[in-house]
N, C-alpha and C. Protein backbone atom coordinates (compact mmCIF):
# COMPACT_ATOMS: atom_id res chain seq x y z
N MET A 1 169.86 31.96 162.27
CA MET A 1 169.16 32.44 162.26
C MET A 1 168.47 32.12 160.56
N SER A 2 167.34 31.41 160.22
CA SER A 2 167.41 31.71 159.08
C SER A 2 166.63 33.15 158.79
N ILE A 3 166.34 34.08 157.54
CA ILE A 3 165.41 34.53 157.63
C ILE A 3 164.11 35.11 157.65
N PHE A 4 163.13 33.56 158.23
CA PHE A 4 162.36 34.17 157.42
C PHE A 4 162.14 34.18 159.88
N GLU A 5 162.84 34.21 159.93
CA GLU A 5 162.93 33.96 160.90
C GLU A 5 163.21 35.61 162.01
N THR A 6 163.61 36.08 161.18
CA THR A 6 163.61 37.16 161.46
C THR A 6 162.76 38.20 160.69
N GLY A 7 161.98 38.14 160.40
CA GLY A 7 160.55 39.16 159.56
C GLY A 7 160.56 39.18 158.97
N GLU A 8 161.37 39.03 158.17
CA GLU A 8 162.11 39.46 156.91
C GLU A 8 161.32 38.91 155.70
N MET A 9 160.39 39.64 155.15
CA MET A 9 159.57 38.65 153.37
C MET A 9 160.91 38.23 152.59
N ALA A 10 160.70 37.11 152.09
CA ALA A 10 161.45 36.87 151.17
C ALA A 10 161.10 37.52 150.00
N PRO A 11 161.91 37.01 148.93
CA PRO A 11 162.28 38.37 147.20
C PRO A 11 159.88 37.11 146.75
N PRO A 12 159.66 38.33 146.11
CA PRO A 12 158.89 37.78 145.05
C PRO A 12 158.96 36.89 143.85
N THR A 13 158.91 35.40 143.99
CA THR A 13 159.28 34.78 143.10
C THR A 13 158.77 35.37 140.90
N VAL A 14 159.94 35.26 140.86
CA VAL A 14 159.55 35.51 138.96
C VAL A 14 159.29 34.73 138.01
N PRO A 15 157.68 34.75 137.60
CA PRO A 15 157.48 33.73 136.91
C PRO A 15 158.33 33.84 135.32
N ALA A 16 158.52 31.71 134.96
CA ALA A 16 159.32 31.64 134.28
C ALA A 16 158.82 32.43 133.28
N THR A 17 159.43 32.66 131.79
CA THR A 17 159.00 33.07 131.00
C THR A 17 159.17 32.27 129.79
N ARG A 18 157.84 31.70 128.76
CA ARG A 18 157.02 30.51 127.84
C ARG A 18 157.17 31.45 126.90
N ALA A 19 158.34 31.15 125.91
CA ALA A 19 158.38 31.46 124.58
C ALA A 19 157.47 30.84 123.71
N ALA A 20 156.25 32.06 122.67
CA ALA A 20 155.76 31.96 122.02
C ALA A 20 156.18 31.28 120.88
N PRO A 21 154.67 29.41 120.35
CA PRO A 21 154.88 28.95 119.68
C PRO A 21 155.71 29.61 117.64
N ALA A 22 155.90 28.83 116.65
CA ALA A 22 156.77 29.16 116.12
C ALA A 22 155.53 30.35 115.14
N TRP A 23 153.77 29.27 115.09
CA TRP A 23 153.16 29.85 114.45
C TRP A 23 152.32 31.29 114.60
N VAL A 24 152.88 31.66 115.79
CA VAL A 24 152.38 32.99 116.22
C VAL A 24 152.76 33.81 114.84
N VAL A 25 153.47 34.45 114.77
CA VAL A 25 154.12 35.76 114.03
C VAL A 25 153.26 35.13 112.50
N PRO A 26 153.56 34.78 111.84
CA PRO A 26 152.88 34.65 110.34
C PRO A 26 151.35 35.16 110.43
N VAL A 27 150.96 34.32 111.72
CA VAL A 27 149.71 34.27 111.71
C VAL A 27 148.85 36.22 112.35
N VAL A 28 150.14 36.62 113.04
CA VAL A 28 150.26 38.47 112.52
C VAL A 28 150.03 39.28 111.28
N VAL A 29 151.21 38.79 111.22
CA VAL A 29 152.12 38.65 109.90
C VAL A 29 150.42 38.48 108.91
N ALA A 30 149.83 37.97 108.57
CA ALA A 30 148.59 37.71 107.84
C ALA A 30 147.42 38.44 107.65
N ALA A 31 147.53 38.80 109.34
CA ALA A 31 145.78 39.33 109.76
C ALA A 31 145.78 41.29 109.36
N VAL A 32 147.95 41.38 109.83
CA VAL A 32 147.88 43.03 109.56
C VAL A 32 147.91 42.63 108.00
N VAL A 33 148.60 42.00 107.20
CA VAL A 33 148.15 42.45 105.57
C VAL A 33 146.37 42.04 105.07
N VAL A 34 145.66 41.10 105.74
CA VAL A 34 144.36 41.08 105.24
C VAL A 34 144.02 42.73 105.62
N GLY A 35 144.15 43.36 106.89
CA GLY A 35 143.20 44.19 107.51
C GLY A 35 143.83 44.96 106.27
N LEU A 36 145.13 45.56 106.22
CA LEU A 36 145.16 46.77 105.28
C LEU A 36 144.87 46.36 103.83
N ALA A 37 144.16 45.29 103.46
CA ALA A 37 143.91 45.41 101.97
C ALA A 37 142.25 45.35 102.24
N GLY A 38 141.70 44.78 103.00
CA GLY A 38 140.74 45.01 102.73
C GLY A 38 140.20 47.32 103.53
N LEU A 39 141.57 47.77 104.60
CA LEU A 39 140.82 48.88 103.69
C LEU A 39 140.59 49.67 103.24
N GLY A 40 142.15 48.70 102.28
CA GLY A 40 141.83 49.64 100.72
C GLY A 40 140.90 49.21 100.06
N VAL A 41 140.31 48.57 100.16
CA VAL A 41 139.00 47.47 99.35
C VAL A 41 138.29 48.69 99.44
N GLY A 42 137.71 49.31 101.00
CA GLY A 42 136.90 50.06 101.16
C GLY A 42 136.86 51.75 101.13
N ILE A 43 138.07 51.66 101.16
CA ILE A 43 139.07 53.28 100.57
C ILE A 43 138.18 53.58 99.24
N TYR A 44 138.24 52.36 97.89
CA TYR A 44 138.21 52.55 96.75
C TYR A 44 136.78 53.29 96.95
N ALA A 45 136.39 51.67 97.12
CA ALA A 45 135.00 51.83 96.93
C ALA A 45 134.47 52.97 97.25
N VAL A 46 134.57 53.63 98.77
CA VAL A 46 133.43 54.81 98.78
C VAL A 46 133.70 55.41 97.98
N ALA A 47 135.88 55.29 97.34
CA ALA A 47 135.92 57.04 96.19
C ALA A 47 134.49 56.43 94.98
N THR A 48 134.43 55.09 94.56
CA THR A 48 134.23 55.26 92.98
C THR A 48 132.54 54.79 93.37
N THR A 49 132.30 54.46 94.79
CA THR A 49 130.43 54.44 94.53
C THR A 49 129.77 55.57 94.18
N PRO A 50 129.63 56.81 94.70
CA PRO A 50 128.42 57.75 94.31
C PRO A 50 129.22 58.59 92.67
N ALA A 51 130.06 57.89 92.34
CA ALA A 51 129.98 57.94 91.03
C ALA A 51 129.22 56.57 89.97
N LYS A 52 128.38 55.70 91.05
CA LYS A 52 128.35 54.87 90.09
C LYS A 52 126.90 54.46 90.15
N THR A 53 126.47 54.48 91.82
CA THR A 53 125.00 54.71 92.75
C THR A 53 124.47 55.03 92.79
N SER A 54 124.49 57.11 92.28
CA SER A 54 124.09 58.04 92.69
C SER A 54 122.52 58.59 91.27
N GLY A 55 121.37 58.53 92.31
CA GLY A 55 119.99 58.33 91.30
C GLY A 55 119.96 59.97 90.66
N PRO A 56 118.59 60.03 89.85
CA PRO A 56 118.57 60.90 88.84
C PRO A 56 117.99 62.24 89.69
N ARG A 57 118.67 63.09 89.29
CA ARG A 57 118.09 65.00 89.59
C ARG A 57 116.95 64.25 90.08
N GLY A 58 116.41 65.31 91.46
CA GLY A 58 115.16 65.36 92.14
C GLY A 58 114.60 66.53 91.02
N PRO A 59 113.72 67.21 91.35
CA PRO A 59 112.70 68.58 90.91
C PRO A 59 113.27 69.61 92.32
N VAL A 60 113.87 70.77 90.77
CA VAL A 60 113.66 71.70 92.00
C VAL A 60 113.38 72.76 93.22
N GLY A 61 114.31 72.82 94.43
CA GLY A 61 113.34 72.76 95.65
C GLY A 61 112.27 74.16 94.79
N PRO A 62 110.88 74.52 96.36
CA PRO A 62 110.59 76.14 95.95
C PRO A 62 111.37 77.30 96.23
N ALA A 63 111.12 78.19 95.94
CA ALA A 63 111.87 79.29 95.86
C ALA A 63 112.24 79.48 97.84
N GLY A 64 112.53 80.12 98.23
CA GLY A 64 112.45 80.32 99.49
C GLY A 64 112.45 82.00 99.64
N ALA A 65 112.66 82.31 100.83
CA ALA A 65 111.46 83.68 100.82
C ALA A 65 113.12 84.28 101.25
N ASP A 66 112.15 85.77 100.62
CA ASP A 66 113.12 87.17 100.96
C ASP A 66 113.65 87.76 101.25
N GLY A 67 115.25 87.98 101.43
CA GLY A 67 115.13 88.26 102.37
C GLY A 67 115.28 89.86 102.54
N SER A 68 115.90 90.77 104.03
CA SER A 68 115.19 91.53 104.42
C SER A 68 116.02 92.27 103.46
N GLN A 69 115.98 93.87 103.02
CA GLN A 69 116.45 94.52 102.68
C GLN A 69 117.78 94.80 103.44
N GLY A 70 118.75 95.65 101.80
CA GLY A 70 120.23 96.37 102.58
C GLY A 70 119.42 97.68 102.66
N PRO A 71 120.34 97.70 103.17
CA PRO A 71 121.16 99.09 103.55
C PRO A 71 121.00 99.94 102.20
N GLN A 72 120.32 101.63 101.79
CA GLN A 72 120.75 101.58 101.16
C GLN A 72 122.39 102.21 100.69
N GLY A 73 122.88 101.98 99.46
CA GLY A 73 123.72 102.84 98.85
C GLY A 73 124.53 103.65 99.16
N VAL A 74 125.87 104.76 99.43
CA VAL A 74 125.93 105.40 98.75
C VAL A 74 125.44 106.51 97.22
N THR A 75 125.57 107.85 97.19
CA THR A 75 124.81 108.37 96.39
C THR A 75 126.19 108.15 95.46
N GLY A 76 125.54 108.18 94.39
CA GLY A 76 127.28 108.37 92.81
C GLY A 76 127.19 109.27 92.28
N THR A 77 128.35 109.72 91.82
CA THR A 77 129.10 110.90 91.47
C THR A 77 127.45 111.45 89.93
N GLN A 78 127.74 112.69 90.24
CA GLN A 78 126.52 113.57 90.06
C GLN A 78 127.35 112.59 88.28
N GLY A 79 126.53 113.19 87.13
CA GLY A 79 127.01 112.18 85.64
C GLY A 79 127.40 113.86 84.82
N ALA A 80 127.56 113.75 83.26
CA ALA A 80 127.91 114.93 83.52
C ALA A 80 126.19 115.29 82.55
N VAL A 81 126.37 117.04 82.18
CA VAL A 81 125.19 117.32 81.16
C VAL A 81 125.02 117.35 79.93
N GLY A 82 124.07 116.36 79.84
CA GLY A 82 123.64 116.27 78.64
C GLY A 82 123.40 117.63 77.20
N ALA A 83 123.51 116.84 76.14
CA ALA A 83 123.60 118.28 75.32
C ALA A 83 122.01 117.87 75.14
N ALA A 84 122.04 119.55 75.03
CA ALA A 84 120.22 120.07 74.89
C ALA A 84 119.53 119.74 73.56
N GLY A 85 117.66 119.27 73.43
CA GLY A 85 117.40 118.58 73.52
C GLY A 85 116.75 119.63 72.49
N PRO A 86 116.36 119.22 71.03
CA PRO A 86 115.87 119.48 69.71
C PRO A 86 114.90 120.43 69.70
N ALA A 87 114.14 121.84 69.72
CA ALA A 87 112.98 122.42 69.60
C ALA A 87 112.34 121.87 69.23
N GLY A 88 110.89 122.32 71.06
CA GLY A 88 109.47 121.62 70.56
C GLY A 88 108.57 122.70 69.19
N PRO A 89 107.68 121.74 69.24
CA PRO A 89 107.26 122.55 68.15
C PRO A 89 106.06 123.58 68.76
N SER A 90 105.40 124.85 67.70
CA SER A 90 104.89 125.94 68.25
C SER A 90 103.65 125.33 69.39
N GLY A 91 103.82 126.10 70.46
CA GLY A 91 102.12 126.51 70.93
C GLY A 91 101.01 126.12 70.24
N THR A 92 100.26 125.98 71.04
CA THR A 92 98.74 126.69 70.63
C THR A 92 98.63 128.07 70.40
N LEU A 93 99.17 128.83 72.32
CA LEU A 93 98.64 129.93 72.31
C LEU A 93 99.88 130.83 71.54
N GLY A 94 99.10 132.12 71.40
CA GLY A 94 99.95 133.09 70.72
C GLY A 94 99.64 134.25 71.60
N SER A 95 99.47 134.78 72.41
CA SER A 95 98.85 135.26 73.70
C SER A 95 98.07 135.01 73.93
N THR A 96 98.00 135.96 75.33
CA THR A 96 96.89 136.12 76.59
C THR A 96 96.03 136.98 77.07
N ALA A 97 95.23 137.10 76.75
CA ALA A 97 93.63 137.72 76.78
C ALA A 97 93.22 138.39 78.99
N ILE A 98 93.21 139.09 79.59
CA ILE A 98 92.05 139.21 80.25
C ILE A 98 90.39 140.52 80.23
N ALA A 99 89.45 139.43 80.24
CA ALA A 99 88.48 139.62 79.76
C ALA A 99 87.82 140.59 80.67
N ALA A 100 87.00 141.18 81.35
CA ALA A 100 85.91 141.60 82.51
C ALA A 100 84.57 141.75 82.16
N GLY A 101 83.47 141.23 82.65
CA GLY A 101 81.97 141.45 81.98
C GLY A 101 81.51 142.41 83.13
N PRO A 102 79.65 142.39 82.82
CA PRO A 102 78.96 143.84 84.24
C PRO A 102 79.38 143.31 85.67
N THR A 103 79.96 144.47 86.05
CA THR A 103 79.30 144.51 87.43
C THR A 103 78.04 144.37 87.78
N LEU A 104 77.99 143.14 88.61
CA LEU A 104 76.02 143.03 89.18
C LEU A 104 76.39 143.75 90.72
N THR A 105 75.50 144.52 90.76
CA THR A 105 74.87 144.62 91.78
C THR A 105 73.22 143.78 92.57
N SER A 106 73.53 143.64 94.02
CA SER A 106 72.17 144.15 94.51
C SER A 106 71.78 144.89 95.45
N ALA A 107 69.96 144.53 95.53
CA ALA A 107 69.06 145.31 96.55
C ALA A 107 70.26 145.91 98.03
N PRO A 108 69.82 146.95 98.28
CA PRO A 108 70.24 147.35 99.27
C PRO A 108 69.08 146.61 100.04
N ASN A 109 70.39 146.65 101.53
CA ASN A 109 70.08 145.04 102.19
C ASN A 109 69.33 143.99 102.05
N PRO A 110 70.35 143.36 101.40
CA PRO A 110 69.60 141.85 100.45
C PRO A 110 69.49 141.12 101.94
N PRO A 111 68.45 140.43 102.46
CA PRO A 111 68.63 138.98 103.81
C PRO A 111 69.75 138.15 103.02
N VAL A 112 70.14 137.08 104.11
CA VAL A 112 71.62 136.59 104.53
C VAL A 112 70.57 135.25 103.94
N GLY A 113 71.30 134.78 101.95
CA GLY A 113 71.41 133.92 100.96
C GLY A 113 71.06 134.12 99.78
N THR A 114 71.32 135.43 99.52
CA THR A 114 70.49 136.37 98.06
C THR A 114 71.89 136.19 97.70
N VAL A 115 72.42 136.15 96.91
CA VAL A 115 73.82 135.24 95.57
C VAL A 115 72.97 136.47 94.27
N LEU A 116 74.42 136.45 93.33
CA LEU A 116 74.39 136.88 92.11
C LEU A 116 75.63 136.02 91.46
N VAL A 117 74.26 136.05 89.77
CA VAL A 117 75.70 134.77 89.14
C VAL A 117 75.27 135.20 88.12
N ALA A 118 76.97 135.39 87.48
CA ALA A 118 77.15 135.83 86.48
C ALA A 118 77.67 134.83 85.52
N LYS A 119 77.98 134.61 84.38
CA LYS A 119 78.35 133.31 83.08
C LYS A 119 78.73 134.68 82.29
N THR A 120 80.14 134.18 82.02
CA THR A 120 81.06 135.56 81.14
C THR A 120 81.76 134.18 80.51
N SER A 121 81.74 135.09 78.90
CA SER A 121 82.20 134.34 77.57
C SER A 121 83.47 135.25 77.12
N CYS A 122 84.69 134.41 76.56
CA CYS A 122 86.17 135.20 75.75
C CYS A 122 85.24 136.11 74.90
N PRO A 123 85.52 136.46 74.26
CA PRO A 123 85.45 137.14 72.72
C PRO A 123 85.22 136.47 71.70
N THR A 124 84.54 136.39 70.09
CA THR A 124 84.64 135.76 69.80
C THR A 124 85.99 135.41 69.03
N GLY A 125 86.78 134.57 68.71
CA GLY A 125 87.94 133.83 68.01
C GLY A 125 89.15 133.52 69.14
N THR A 126 88.15 133.21 70.02
CA THR A 126 89.65 133.40 71.39
C THR A 126 88.97 132.17 72.14
N ILE A 127 90.21 131.47 73.10
CA ILE A 127 88.74 130.12 73.64
C ILE A 127 89.90 130.42 75.95
N LEU A 128 88.40 129.93 76.02
CA LEU A 128 88.97 129.80 77.07
C LEU A 128 89.21 129.68 77.78
N LEU A 129 90.44 130.43 78.93
CA LEU A 129 91.36 129.74 80.02
C LEU A 129 90.84 130.03 81.94
N SER A 130 90.70 130.33 81.45
CA SER A 130 90.15 130.08 83.20
C SER A 130 88.86 131.93 83.48
N GLY A 131 88.11 131.95 84.72
CA GLY A 131 87.68 133.00 84.93
C GLY A 131 87.32 132.80 87.23
N SER A 132 87.30 133.98 87.13
CA SER A 132 86.58 134.39 88.68
C SER A 132 86.42 135.42 88.35
N ALA A 133 86.13 136.16 89.90
CA ALA A 133 84.97 138.02 90.22
C ALA A 133 85.57 137.65 91.20
N GLN A 134 84.96 139.11 91.41
CA GLN A 134 85.94 140.29 92.81
C GLN A 134 84.44 140.24 93.18
N VAL A 135 84.29 140.09 94.97
CA VAL A 135 83.08 139.98 95.77
C VAL A 135 83.11 140.67 96.39
N THR A 136 82.47 141.87 96.73
CA THR A 136 82.93 143.01 98.07
C THR A 136 81.86 143.76 98.25
N ALA A 137 81.82 144.79 99.49
CA ALA A 137 80.41 144.73 100.18
C ALA A 137 80.93 145.92 100.30
N THR A 138 79.95 147.20 100.94
CA THR A 138 79.75 148.36 101.52
C THR A 138 80.42 148.39 102.88
N GLY A 139 81.72 149.00 103.34
CA GLY A 139 82.05 149.60 104.45
C GLY A 139 82.73 147.95 104.97
N VAL A 140 83.33 148.08 105.97
CA VAL A 140 84.33 146.77 106.80
C VAL A 140 83.59 145.61 107.17
N VAL A 141 82.07 145.86 108.00
CA VAL A 141 81.95 144.46 108.40
C VAL A 141 80.50 143.97 107.25
N ALA A 142 80.10 144.69 106.13
CA ALA A 142 79.72 143.85 104.88
C ALA A 142 80.50 143.25 105.06
N ASP A 143 81.75 143.63 104.14
CA ASP A 143 82.59 143.57 103.78
C ASP A 143 82.49 142.34 103.57
N ARG A 144 82.89 141.69 105.29
CA ARG A 144 82.70 140.42 105.54
C ARG A 144 81.68 139.93 105.30
N ASN A 145 80.91 140.04 105.06
CA ASN A 145 79.20 139.06 105.31
C ASN A 145 79.10 138.97 103.87
N VAL A 146 79.96 138.79 103.22
CA VAL A 146 79.79 138.40 101.42
C VAL A 146 80.72 137.49 101.11
N GLU A 147 81.00 136.98 100.36
CA GLU A 147 81.76 135.63 99.36
C GLU A 147 81.81 135.21 97.76
N LEU A 148 82.41 135.18 97.70
CA LEU A 148 82.42 134.10 95.73
C LEU A 148 82.43 132.86 95.91
N ARG A 149 80.73 132.33 96.03
CA ARG A 149 80.75 130.92 96.67
C ARG A 149 80.99 129.90 95.42
N GLU A 150 81.19 130.18 94.32
CA GLU A 150 81.15 129.19 93.25
C GLU A 150 82.55 130.07 92.11
N SER A 151 83.60 130.02 91.22
CA SER A 151 83.18 129.94 90.08
C SER A 151 84.47 128.38 89.35
N LEU A 152 83.80 128.23 88.37
CA LEU A 152 83.75 126.97 87.72
C LEU A 152 83.24 126.91 86.43
N PRO A 153 83.58 126.55 85.36
CA PRO A 153 83.72 126.59 83.54
C PRO A 153 82.06 125.47 83.33
N ILE A 154 81.09 126.36 82.85
CA ILE A 154 79.77 125.25 82.93
C ILE A 154 79.91 125.55 81.15
N ALA A 155 80.57 125.68 79.89
CA ALA A 155 80.50 125.28 78.55
C ALA A 155 82.47 125.96 78.08
N PRO A 156 82.24 125.01 76.57
CA PRO A 156 84.17 125.24 76.06
C PRO A 156 83.69 127.43 77.03
N ASN A 157 83.46 128.05 76.40
CA ASN A 157 83.64 129.23 76.37
C ASN A 157 82.46 129.72 77.76
N VAL A 158 82.18 129.45 78.29
CA VAL A 158 81.44 130.18 79.62
C VAL A 158 81.61 129.82 80.90
N TRP A 159 82.20 130.80 81.74
CA TRP A 159 82.78 130.84 83.26
C TRP A 159 81.74 131.58 84.14
N GLN A 160 81.17 130.29 85.19
CA GLN A 160 80.61 131.21 86.09
C GLN A 160 80.34 131.25 87.27
N THR A 161 80.33 132.19 88.03
CA THR A 161 80.92 132.71 89.47
C THR A 161 78.90 132.80 90.32
N VAL A 162 79.79 132.48 91.08
CA VAL A 162 78.67 132.81 92.48
C VAL A 162 78.58 133.77 93.25
N ALA A 163 78.34 134.57 94.09
CA ALA A 163 78.17 135.79 94.64
C ALA A 163 77.62 135.63 95.64
N LEU A 164 77.68 135.04 97.29
CA LEU A 164 76.76 134.98 97.86
C LEU A 164 76.93 136.18 99.22
N VAL A 165 75.57 136.73 99.58
CA VAL A 165 75.00 137.00 101.04
C VAL A 165 75.84 136.14 102.55
N THR A 166 76.36 135.49 103.12
CA THR A 166 76.83 134.89 104.91
C THR A 166 76.02 135.34 105.56
N ALA A 167 75.60 136.72 105.73
CA ALA A 167 75.20 137.48 107.03
C ALA A 167 75.20 139.02 106.96
N SER A 168 73.44 139.16 108.24
CA SER A 168 73.57 140.68 106.94
C SER A 168 74.42 141.52 107.62
N LEU A 169 74.84 141.76 106.02
CA LEU A 169 75.58 143.74 105.21
C LEU A 169 74.93 144.77 107.03
N GLY A 170 74.20 145.76 107.17
CA GLY A 170 73.71 146.93 107.40
C GLY A 170 72.55 147.41 106.82
N GLN A 171 72.40 148.57 107.67
CA GLN A 171 71.33 149.36 106.77
C GLN A 171 71.33 150.06 105.82
N GLY A 172 71.34 149.95 104.49
CA GLY A 172 71.94 150.28 102.76
C GLY A 172 72.88 149.84 101.87
N MET A 173 73.29 148.54 103.11
CA MET A 173 74.96 148.00 102.62
C MET A 173 73.59 147.08 101.15
N ALA A 174 74.71 146.71 99.83
CA ALA A 174 75.00 146.51 98.52
C ALA A 174 75.63 144.84 98.81
N MET A 175 75.20 144.21 97.64
CA MET A 175 76.47 142.94 97.33
C MET A 175 76.44 143.18 96.14
N SER A 176 78.80 143.67 95.73
CA SER A 176 78.60 143.30 93.82
C SER A 176 79.00 142.56 93.94
N MET A 177 79.88 142.50 93.03
CA MET A 177 80.27 140.86 92.31
C MET A 177 80.82 141.64 90.71
N LYS A 178 81.89 141.90 90.18
CA LYS A 178 82.83 141.60 89.20
C LYS A 178 83.26 140.98 88.83
N PRO A 179 83.26 140.16 87.15
CA PRO A 179 82.98 138.73 87.40
C PRO A 179 84.55 139.14 85.29
N TYR A 180 85.43 138.04 85.65
CA TYR A 180 86.97 138.24 85.23
C TYR A 180 87.05 137.04 84.24
N VAL A 181 87.72 137.03 83.28
CA VAL A 181 87.59 134.94 82.09
C VAL A 181 88.72 135.40 81.97
N VAL A 182 89.74 134.50 81.77
CA VAL A 182 91.14 134.76 80.84
C VAL A 182 91.06 134.23 79.34
N CYS A 183 91.48 135.09 78.66
CA CYS A 183 91.51 134.51 77.12
C CYS A 183 92.33 134.20 76.51
N GLY A 184 93.01 133.03 75.52
CA GLY A 184 93.73 132.70 74.87
C GLY A 184 93.21 133.01 73.10
N VAL A 185 94.69 133.99 72.50
CA VAL A 185 94.29 133.55 71.88
C VAL A 185 95.29 132.38 70.70
N GLU A 186 94.58 132.23 69.26
CA GLU A 186 95.49 130.79 69.15
C GLU A 186 96.52 131.16 68.16
N PHE A 187 97.36 130.62 68.22
CA PHE A 187 98.71 130.44 67.24
C PHE A 187 98.70 130.65 65.73
N HIS A 188 99.02 131.49 65.02
CA HIS A 188 99.30 131.10 63.15
C HIS A 188 100.24 131.69 63.52
N PRO A 189 101.02 130.28 63.05
CA PRO A 189 102.80 130.56 62.11
C PRO A 189 102.46 131.90 60.79
N PRO A 190 103.05 132.41 60.27
CA PRO A 190 103.50 133.44 59.50
C PRO A 190 103.31 132.53 58.78
N ALA A 191 102.57 133.06 56.96
CA ALA A 191 102.38 132.42 56.20
C ALA A 191 104.02 132.75 54.92
N PRO A 192 104.55 131.91 54.67
CA PRO A 192 105.42 131.72 53.60
C PRO A 192 105.27 132.83 52.99
N LYS A 193 106.82 133.14 52.69
CA LYS A 193 107.24 134.72 52.00
C LYS A 193 106.93 133.64 49.81
N ALA A 194 105.72 135.13 49.23
CA ALA A 194 106.14 134.71 47.86
C ALA A 194 107.29 133.98 47.28
N LYS A 195 107.72 133.66 46.59
CA LYS A 195 109.03 133.41 45.49
C LYS A 195 108.54 134.92 44.56
N THR A 196 109.86 135.67 44.40
CA THR A 196 109.57 136.43 43.16
C THR A 196 110.69 135.63 41.94
N THR A 197 110.06 135.58 40.83
CA THR A 197 110.76 134.56 40.06
C THR A 197 111.07 136.33 38.68
N THR A 198 112.21 136.28 38.60
CA THR A 198 112.28 137.10 37.27
C THR A 198 112.25 135.77 35.62
N THR A 199 112.19 136.56 35.01
CA THR A 199 112.15 135.46 33.11
C THR A 199 113.17 136.31 32.99
N THR A 200 113.73 135.74 31.75
CA THR A 200 114.88 137.40 31.59
C THR A 200 114.70 136.43 29.84
N THR A 201 114.62 137.39 28.98
CA THR A 201 114.13 136.65 27.62
C THR A 201 115.26 137.50 26.30
N THR A 202 116.33 136.88 25.62
CA THR A 202 117.27 137.93 24.80
C THR A 202 116.44 137.32 23.45
N THR A 203 116.09 139.11 22.93
CA THR A 203 115.89 139.29 21.55
C THR A 203 117.16 139.47 21.03
N THR A 204 118.22 138.23 19.30
CA THR A 204 118.58 139.09 18.28
C THR A 204 118.86 139.44 17.85
N VAL A 205 119.45 141.01 17.59
CA VAL A 205 118.78 141.47 15.91
C VAL A 205 118.98 141.36 15.18
N PRO A 206 118.84 141.08 13.79
CA PRO A 206 120.07 140.94 12.87
C PRO A 206 120.29 142.11 12.18
N PRO A 207 122.44 141.39 11.74
CA PRO A 207 122.74 143.10 11.27
C PRO A 207 121.58 143.51 9.90
N THR A 208 121.45 144.19 9.21
CA THR A 208 121.54 145.66 8.95
C THR A 208 122.12 145.74 7.77
């Protein structure tokens, strides 16, 4: 019985190997050499081209938007105390004083809207600094119904105050105002003391 009759498959046939032509190897080697040479030329061109073909510098672009503010830094250490500065010049006021004007009084039972006006000045030779007035009425209720309406300077040496009746004061009640001004005395530095000079005269008496 042959092997084909038993149902078994015949072994595969191995194709015969053909030898490469002798010219293939030199061609492959030459191709590799040419490829490496081209790669080297390309690398050289990339390395040298930017320096030779770069164009002129373009204009400066616009400034960018400001960034957001950063967090506040920690507080630094306190510095040393500096030296005291020189003394300043003497002031223009040597002293101040309060001067009072005469008391003004309304008629009894003044109608609402009644005013008292005082114009108070400082004594001659002094400087007006400020002013005000005290406004009163007899009785608790009446005292609540009067007020100081104005208090202001109207001239370099005149302070004006105005008192006002805002509501009924009651039977027999009147409004009073006592004005005051604050005056300054100009500073005058003391006059320098006169120097005392002594003249010495020497007299020679001839011998007798």
